[in-house]
Amino acid sequence: MVEFHVKSIQSDIDGRHFEDWNAEASQIWKDIFREISAMEDSDRTEALELIREQWMEYLKHFASI
């Protein structure tokens, strides 16, 4: 789902949908990290590795905003 939002933002040339996509993507990430924080250490490490690439891609597009 987050990957969809990143691609959508990249194709939103005039920025009309940015606020909606940004809010939705931010909420998705908050939910993901809330679930990960409740995991045991070994599971948490594995989960973080699984989302690393998508998280870094998200940050490239939204961290500076």
N, C-alpha and C. Protein backbone atom coordinates (compact mmCIF):
# COMPACT_ATOMS: atom_id res chain seq x y z
N MET A 1 0.82 -1.20 0.00
CA MET A 1 0.00 0.00 0.00
C MET A 1 0.86 1.26 0.00
N VAL A 2 1.91 1.28 0.80
CA VAL A 2 2.79 2.45 0.84
C VAL A 2 3.46 2.65 -0.51
N GLU A 3 3.88 1.54 -1.11
CA GLU A 3 4.52 1.64 -2.43
C GLU A 3 3.56 2.29 -3.43
N PHE A 4 2.29 1.97 -3.36
CA PHE A 4 1.29 2.59 -4.21
C PHE A 4 1.26 4.10 -4.01
N HIS A 5 1.33 4.54 -2.75
CA HIS A 5 1.28 5.97 -2.46
C HIS A 5 2.52 6.69 -2.99
N VAL A 6 3.67 6.10 -2.83
CA VAL A 6 4.89 6.72 -3.34
C VAL A 6 4.80 6.87 -4.85
N LYS A 7 4.39 5.83 -5.54
CA LYS A 7 4.25 5.91 -7.01
C LYS A 7 3.18 6.92 -7.40
N SER A 8 2.12 7.01 -6.63
CA SER A 8 1.07 7.97 -6.93
C SER A 8 1.58 9.40 -6.79
N ILE A 9 2.33 9.66 -5.74
CA ILE A 9 2.89 10.99 -5.54
C ILE A 9 3.84 11.35 -6.68
N GLN A 10 4.64 10.40 -7.10
CA GLN A 10 5.57 10.65 -8.20
C GLN A 10 4.84 11.02 -9.48
N SER A 11 3.65 10.49 -9.68
CA SER A 11 2.91 10.78 -10.91
C SER A 11 1.94 11.96 -10.75
N ASP A 12 1.84 12.52 -9.56
CA ASP A 12 0.94 13.65 -9.29
C ASP A 12 1.66 14.96 -9.61
N ILE A 13 1.75 15.27 -10.89
CA ILE A 13 2.55 16.39 -11.37
C ILE A 13 2.11 17.72 -10.78
N ASP A 14 0.82 17.97 -10.68
CA ASP A 14 0.35 19.26 -10.18
C ASP A 14 0.12 19.29 -8.67
N GLY A 15 0.31 18.15 -7.99
CA GLY A 15 0.23 18.11 -6.53
C GLY A 15 -1.17 18.17 -5.95
N ARG A 16 -2.18 17.97 -6.77
CA ARG A 16 -3.57 18.07 -6.27
C ARG A 16 -3.90 17.03 -5.21
N HIS A 17 -3.28 15.87 -5.28
CA HIS A 17 -3.63 14.77 -4.37
C HIS A 17 -2.61 14.56 -3.26
N PHE A 18 -1.61 15.42 -3.21
CA PHE A 18 -0.51 15.20 -2.28
C PHE A 18 -0.97 15.09 -0.83
N GLU A 19 -1.76 16.01 -0.38
CA GLU A 19 -2.16 16.03 1.04
C GLU A 19 -2.87 14.73 1.44
N ASP A 20 -3.77 14.28 0.59
CA ASP A 20 -4.50 13.04 0.89
C ASP A 20 -3.56 11.85 0.94
N TRP A 21 -2.71 11.73 -0.08
CA TRP A 21 -1.78 10.59 -0.13
C TRP A 21 -0.78 10.65 1.00
N ASN A 22 -0.29 11.83 1.30
CA ASN A 22 0.68 11.98 2.38
C ASN A 22 0.07 11.58 3.71
N ALA A 23 -1.14 12.03 3.98
CA ALA A 23 -1.81 11.70 5.25
C ALA A 23 -2.06 10.20 5.36
N GLU A 24 -2.52 9.61 4.27
CA GLU A 24 -2.81 8.17 4.30
C GLU A 24 -1.53 7.35 4.46
N ALA A 25 -0.49 7.71 3.72
CA ALA A 25 0.78 6.98 3.83
C ALA A 25 1.38 7.15 5.23
N SER A 26 1.30 8.33 5.78
CA SER A 26 1.82 8.56 7.14
C SER A 26 1.11 7.69 8.16
N GLN A 27 -0.19 7.58 8.02
CA GLN A 27 -0.96 6.75 8.96
C GLN A 27 -0.60 5.28 8.81
N ILE A 28 -0.41 4.83 7.58
CA ILE A 28 -0.01 3.44 7.36
C ILE A 28 1.31 3.16 8.06
N TRP A 29 2.29 4.06 7.89
CA TRP A 29 3.60 3.85 8.53
C TRP A 29 3.49 3.89 10.06
N LYS A 30 2.69 4.79 10.59
CA LYS A 30 2.50 4.83 12.05
C LYS A 30 1.96 3.49 12.55
N ASP A 31 0.98 2.96 11.84
CA ASP A 31 0.39 1.67 12.23
C ASP A 31 1.43 0.55 12.14
N ILE A 32 2.22 0.55 11.08
CA ILE A 32 3.25 -0.47 10.90
C ILE A 32 4.25 -0.43 12.06
N PHE A 33 4.76 0.76 12.36
CA PHE A 33 5.76 0.87 13.42
C PHE A 33 5.18 0.61 14.80
N ARG A 34 3.91 0.90 15.01
CA ARG A 34 3.26 0.58 16.28
C ARG A 34 3.22 -0.94 16.47
N GLU A 35 2.87 -1.65 15.40
CA GLU A 35 2.84 -3.11 15.48
C GLU A 35 4.25 -3.68 15.69
N ILE A 36 5.22 -3.15 14.98
CA ILE A 36 6.59 -3.64 15.11
C ILE A 36 7.13 -3.39 16.52
N SER A 37 6.80 -2.26 17.09
CA SER A 37 7.32 -1.94 18.43
C SER A 37 6.79 -2.89 19.50
N ALA A 38 5.67 -3.54 19.23
CA ALA A 38 5.09 -4.49 20.19
C ALA A 38 5.67 -5.90 20.06
N MET A 39 6.53 -6.12 19.09
CA MET A 39 7.10 -7.45 18.84
C MET A 39 8.28 -7.75 19.76
N GLU A 40 8.59 -9.02 19.86
CA GLU A 40 9.81 -9.45 20.55
C GLU A 40 11.02 -8.98 19.74
N ASP A 41 12.16 -8.86 20.39
CA ASP A 41 13.35 -8.32 19.73
C ASP A 41 13.72 -9.02 18.43
N SER A 42 13.76 -10.34 18.43
CA SER A 42 14.16 -11.05 17.21
C SER A 42 13.15 -10.85 16.08
N ASP A 43 11.87 -10.87 16.42
CA ASP A 43 10.83 -10.63 15.42
C ASP A 43 10.88 -9.19 14.92
N ARG A 44 11.14 -8.26 15.83
CA ARG A 44 11.23 -6.84 15.47
C ARG A 44 12.34 -6.61 14.46
N THR A 45 13.50 -7.20 14.71
CA THR A 45 14.63 -7.06 13.80
C THR A 45 14.28 -7.58 12.42
N GLU A 46 13.66 -8.73 12.36
CA GLU A 46 13.26 -9.32 11.08
C GLU A 46 12.24 -8.43 10.36
N ALA A 47 11.26 -7.94 11.09
CA ALA A 47 10.23 -7.09 10.50
C ALA A 47 10.83 -5.80 9.95
N LEU A 48 11.75 -5.21 10.70
CA LEU A 48 12.39 -3.98 10.22
C LEU A 48 13.19 -4.22 8.95
N GLU A 49 13.84 -5.35 8.88
CA GLU A 49 14.59 -5.69 7.66
C GLU A 49 13.63 -5.86 6.47
N LEU A 50 12.47 -6.43 6.73
CA LEU A 50 11.49 -6.65 5.66
C LEU A 50 10.94 -5.35 5.09
N ILE A 51 10.83 -4.31 5.90
CA ILE A 51 10.26 -3.05 5.43
C ILE A 51 11.32 -2.01 5.06
N ARG A 52 12.59 -2.33 5.26
CA ARG A 52 13.66 -1.35 5.08
C ARG A 52 13.60 -0.64 3.71
N GLU A 53 13.51 -1.40 2.64
CA GLU A 53 13.55 -0.82 1.30
C GLU A 53 12.37 0.14 1.06
N GLN A 54 11.18 -0.29 1.44
CA GLN A 54 10.01 0.58 1.25
C GLN A 54 10.08 1.81 2.14
N TRP A 55 10.58 1.66 3.36
CA TRP A 55 10.70 2.79 4.28
C TRP A 55 11.69 3.82 3.73
N MET A 56 12.82 3.35 3.20
CA MET A 56 13.81 4.26 2.64
C MET A 56 13.26 4.98 1.41
N GLU A 57 12.51 4.27 0.60
CA GLU A 57 11.88 4.88 -0.59
C GLU A 57 10.87 5.95 -0.16
N TYR A 58 10.10 5.65 0.85
CA TYR A 58 9.14 6.62 1.40
C TYR A 58 9.87 7.86 1.90
N LEU A 59 10.95 7.66 2.63
CA LEU A 59 11.70 8.80 3.18
C LEU A 59 12.27 9.68 2.08
N LYS A 60 12.71 9.08 0.99
CA LYS A 60 13.24 9.88 -0.12
C LYS A 60 12.23 10.89 -0.62
N HIS A 61 10.97 10.54 -0.58
CA HIS A 61 9.93 11.40 -1.14
C HIS A 61 9.25 12.29 -0.11
N PHE A 62 9.25 11.89 1.15
CA PHE A 62 8.47 12.62 2.14
C PHE A 62 9.27 13.23 3.28
N ALA A 63 10.48 12.80 3.51
CA ALA A 63 11.23 13.28 4.68
C ALA A 63 11.52 14.77 4.62
N SER A 64 11.71 15.31 3.45
CA SER A 64 12.07 16.73 3.33
C SER A 64 10.85 17.65 3.35
N ILE A 65 9.67 17.06 3.40
CA ILE A 65 8.44 17.86 3.35
C ILE A 65 8.01 18.26 4.74
